[in-house]
Amino acid sequence: MYPVDSQTPDYSQQYAVSFNEIAPGIVEWANSFRAVGETLIDSIARVRTAIAMSDAQRAMLDIQLQRAQAGLPPLSMQQNSNGNGLMILALIALVLFMASRDKGNESE
């Protein structure tokens, strides 16, 4: 345990190494978008959110393209009061999660 007058240890460098192992290049990318006074952890959290949105948008575009090729009408992207927009995003996230699990099982 640390004495009351000492500061908590800084694990930023250890986290930076860990994050780069998980997502190569994310630390460099996060540092290039880092705001003044923002910690590395906060910057990576913000960048990660942006990356997740890009993946969701890409997945939605793929779904719309598949529907177009099948001759189906496009899914509405309008968010309305009953939460359909959020449900669509949740469905996309579930599909991506299941697809990534299937790929992991195939490699075994």
C-alpha atoms as a PDB file:
ATOM      1  CA  MET A   1       0.000   0.000   0.000  1.00  0.00           C
ATOM      2  CA  TYR A   2       1.197   3.533  -0.760  1.00  0.00           C
ATOM      3  CA  PRO A   3       1.680   6.156   1.934  1.00  0.00           C
ATOM      4  CA  VAL A   4      -1.044   8.808   2.037  1.00  0.00           C
ATOM      5  CA  ASP A   5       1.322  11.560   0.860  1.00  0.00           C
ATOM      6  CA  SER A   6       2.555   9.664  -2.225  1.00  0.00           C
ATOM      7  CA  GLN A   7       0.856   9.704  -5.584  1.00  0.00           C
ATOM      8  CA  THR A   8      -0.760   6.717  -7.211  1.00  0.00           C
ATOM      9  CA  PRO A   9       1.667   5.053  -9.640  1.00  0.00           C
ATOM     10  CA  ASP A  10       1.326   5.976 -13.305  1.00  0.00           C
ATOM     11  CA  TYR A  11       0.593   2.938 -15.452  1.00  0.00           C
ATOM     12  CA  SER A  12       0.225   4.896 -18.710  1.00  0.00           C
ATOM     13  CA  GLN A  13       3.274   3.326 -20.360  1.00  0.00           C
ATOM     14  CA  GLN A  14       2.193  -0.197 -19.425  1.00  0.00           C
ATOM     15  CA  TYR A  15      -1.285   0.496 -20.759  1.00  0.00           C
ATOM     16  CA  ALA A  16       0.181   1.982 -23.947  1.00  0.00           C
ATOM     17  CA  VAL A  17       2.088  -1.257 -24.581  1.00  0.00           C
ATOM     18  CA  SER A  18      -1.016  -3.331 -23.832  1.00  0.00           C
ATOM     19  CA  PHE A  19      -3.250  -1.215 -26.084  1.00  0.00           C
ATOM     20  CA  ASN A  20      -0.749  -1.450 -28.943  1.00  0.00           C
ATOM     21  CA  GLU A  21      -0.696  -5.236 -28.577  1.00  0.00           C
ATOM     22  CA  ILE A  22      -4.488  -5.345 -28.785  1.00  0.00           C
ATOM     23  CA  ALA A  23      -4.858  -2.743 -31.552  1.00  0.00           C
ATOM     24  CA  PRO A  24      -1.526  -2.006 -33.247  1.00  0.00           C
ATOM     25  CA  GLY A  25      -1.059   1.711 -33.931  1.00  0.00           C
ATOM     26  CA  ILE A  26      -3.891   2.941 -31.698  1.00  0.00           C
ATOM     27  CA  VAL A  27      -1.548   4.763 -29.290  1.00  0.00           C
ATOM     28  CA  GLU A  28       0.127   6.708 -32.092  1.00  0.00           C
ATOM     29  CA  TRP A  29      -3.262   7.522 -33.606  1.00  0.00           C
ATOM     30  CA  ALA A  30      -4.699   8.573 -30.228  1.00  0.00           C
ATOM     31  CA  ASN A  31      -1.660  10.776 -29.562  1.00  0.00           C
ATOM     32  CA  SER A  32      -2.131  12.521 -32.910  1.00  0.00           C
ATOM     33  CA  PHE A  33      -5.706  13.464 -31.892  1.00  0.00           C
ATOM     34  CA  ARG A  34      -4.946  14.089 -28.220  1.00  0.00           C
ATOM     35  CA  ALA A  35      -6.415  17.303 -26.830  1.00  0.00           C
ATOM     36  CA  VAL A  36      -4.421  19.655 -24.617  1.00  0.00           C
ATOM     37  CA  GLY A  37      -4.435  18.333 -21.057  1.00  0.00           C
ATOM     38  CA  GLU A  38      -6.053  15.039 -22.072  1.00  0.00           C
ATOM     39  CA  THR A  39      -4.546  11.841 -20.691  1.00  0.00           C
ATOM     40  CA  LEU A  40      -3.479   9.028 -22.972  1.00  0.00           C
ATOM     41  CA  ILE A  41      -6.207   6.808 -21.497  1.00  0.00           C
ATOM     42  CA  ASP A  42      -8.916   9.422 -22.155  1.00  0.00           C
ATOM     43  CA  SER A  43      -7.631   9.949 -25.685  1.00  0.00           C
ATOM     44  CA  ILE A  44      -7.655   6.217 -26.439  1.00  0.00           C
ATOM     45  CA  ALA A  45     -11.161   5.878 -24.982  1.00  0.00           C
ATOM     46  CA  ARG A  46     -12.355   8.692 -27.251  1.00  0.00           C
ATOM     47  CA  VAL A  47     -10.591   7.261 -30.323  1.00  0.00           C
ATOM     48  CA  ARG A  48     -11.923   3.779 -29.563  1.00  0.00           C
ATOM     49  CA  THR A  49     -15.452   5.156 -29.555  1.00  0.00           C
ATOM     50  CA  ALA A  50     -14.864   6.764 -32.953  1.00  0.00           C
ATOM     51  CA  ILE A  51     -13.502   3.489 -34.324  1.00  0.00           C
ATOM     52  CA  ALA A  52     -16.501   1.572 -32.997  1.00  0.00           C
ATOM     53  CA  MET A  53     -18.859   4.006 -34.704  1.00  0.00           C
ATOM     54  CA  SER A  54     -16.991   3.615 -37.981  1.00  0.00           C
ATOM     55  CA  ASP A  55     -17.353  -0.171 -37.741  1.00  0.00           C
ATOM     56  CA  ALA A  56     -21.080   0.155 -37.027  1.00  0.00           C
ATOM     57  CA  GLN A  57     -21.506   2.514 -39.963  1.00  0.00           C
ATOM     58  CA  ARG A  58     -19.555   0.166 -42.238  1.00  0.00           C
ATOM     59  CA  ALA A  59     -21.679  -2.782 -41.080  1.00  0.00           C
ATOM     60  CA  MET A  60     -24.862  -0.817 -41.716  1.00  0.00           C
ATOM     61  CA  LEU A  61     -23.680   0.067 -45.218  1.00  0.00           C
ATOM     62  CA  ASP A  62     -22.975  -3.632 -45.877  1.00  0.00           C
ATOM     63  CA  ILE A  63     -26.480  -4.543 -44.704  1.00  0.00           C
ATOM     64  CA  GLN A  64     -28.019  -1.867 -46.916  1.00  0.00           C
ATOM     65  CA  LEU A  65     -25.982  -3.092 -49.916  1.00  0.00           C
ATOM     66  CA  GLN A  66     -27.110  -6.685 -49.305  1.00  0.00           C
ATOM     67  CA  ARG A  67     -30.729  -5.532 -49.096  1.00  0.00           C
ATOM     68  CA  ALA A  68     -30.357  -3.552 -52.322  1.00  0.00           C
ATOM     69  CA  GLN A  69     -28.863  -6.568 -54.117  1.00  0.00           C
ATOM     70  CA  ALA A  70     -31.760  -8.707 -52.845  1.00  0.00           C
ATOM     71  CA  GLY A  71     -34.296  -6.180 -54.130  1.00  0.00           C
ATOM     72  CA  LEU A  72     -35.488  -5.230 -50.636  1.00  0.00           C
ATOM     73  CA  PRO A  73     -36.271  -1.670 -49.518  1.00  0.00           C
ATOM     74  CA  PRO A  74     -33.623   0.076 -47.412  1.00  0.00           C
ATOM     75  CA  LEU A  75     -33.823   0.068 -43.643  1.00  0.00           C
ATOM     76  CA  SER A  76     -34.842   3.450 -42.279  1.00  0.00           C
ATOM     77  CA  MET A  77     -32.007   5.311 -40.600  1.00  0.00           C
ATOM     78  CA  GLN A  78     -34.366   7.765 -38.914  1.00  0.00           C
ATOM     79  CA  GLN A  79     -34.363   7.559 -35.143  1.00  0.00           C
ATOM     80  CA  ASN A  80     -37.848   7.780 -33.755  1.00  0.00           C
ATOM     81  CA  SER A  81     -39.325   7.820 -30.290  1.00  0.00           C
ATOM     82  CA  ASN A  82     -39.676   4.053 -29.974  1.00  0.00           C
ATOM     83  CA  GLY A  83     -35.901   3.492 -30.142  1.00  0.00           C
ATOM     84  CA  ASN A  84     -35.684   1.616 -33.456  1.00  0.00           C
ATOM     85  CA  GLY A  85     -32.398   3.361 -34.300  1.00  0.00           C
ATOM     86  CA  LEU A  86     -30.796   2.052 -31.135  1.00  0.00           C
ATOM     87  CA  MET A  87     -32.220  -1.401 -31.743  1.00  0.00           C
ATOM     88  CA  ILE A  88     -30.690  -1.458 -35.221  1.00  0.00           C
ATOM     89  CA  LEU A  89     -27.295  -0.447 -33.823  1.00  0.00           C
ATOM     90  CA  ALA A  90     -27.593  -3.136 -31.137  1.00  0.00           C
ATOM     91  CA  LEU A  91     -28.456  -5.697 -33.823  1.00  0.00           C
ATOM     92  CA  ILE A  92     -25.427  -4.657 -35.881  1.00  0.00           C
ATOM     93  CA  ALA A  93     -23.187  -4.955 -32.813  1.00  0.00           C
ATOM     94  CA  LEU A  94     -24.586  -8.434 -32.118  1.00  0.00           C
ATOM     95  CA  VAL A  95     -24.008  -9.533 -35.729  1.00  0.00           C
ATOM     96  CA  LEU A  96     -20.417  -8.253 -35.630  1.00  0.00           C
ATOM     97  CA  PHE A  97     -19.810  -9.987 -32.293  1.00  0.00           C
ATOM     98  CA  MET A  98     -21.207 -13.296 -33.528  1.00  0.00           C
ATOM     99  CA  ALA A  99     -19.214 -13.055 -36.778  1.00  0.00           C
ATOM    100  CA  SER A 100     -15.987 -12.435 -34.861  1.00  0.00           C
ATOM    101  CA  ARG A 101     -16.703 -15.430 -32.608  1.00  0.00           C
ATOM    102  CA  ASP A 102     -17.356 -17.641 -35.643  1.00  0.00           C
ATOM    103  CA  LYS A 103     -14.053 -16.598 -37.225  1.00  0.00           C
ATOM    104  CA  GLY A 104     -12.256 -17.418 -33.973  1.00  0.00           C
ATOM    105  CA  ASN A 105     -13.842 -20.888 -33.853  1.00  0.00           C
ATOM    106  CA  GLU A 106     -12.894 -21.634 -37.477  1.00  0.00           C
ATOM    107  CA  SER A 107      -9.198 -21.027 -36.783  1.00  0.00           C
ATOM    108  CA  GLU A 108      -9.104 -23.737 -34.098  1.00  0.00           C
END
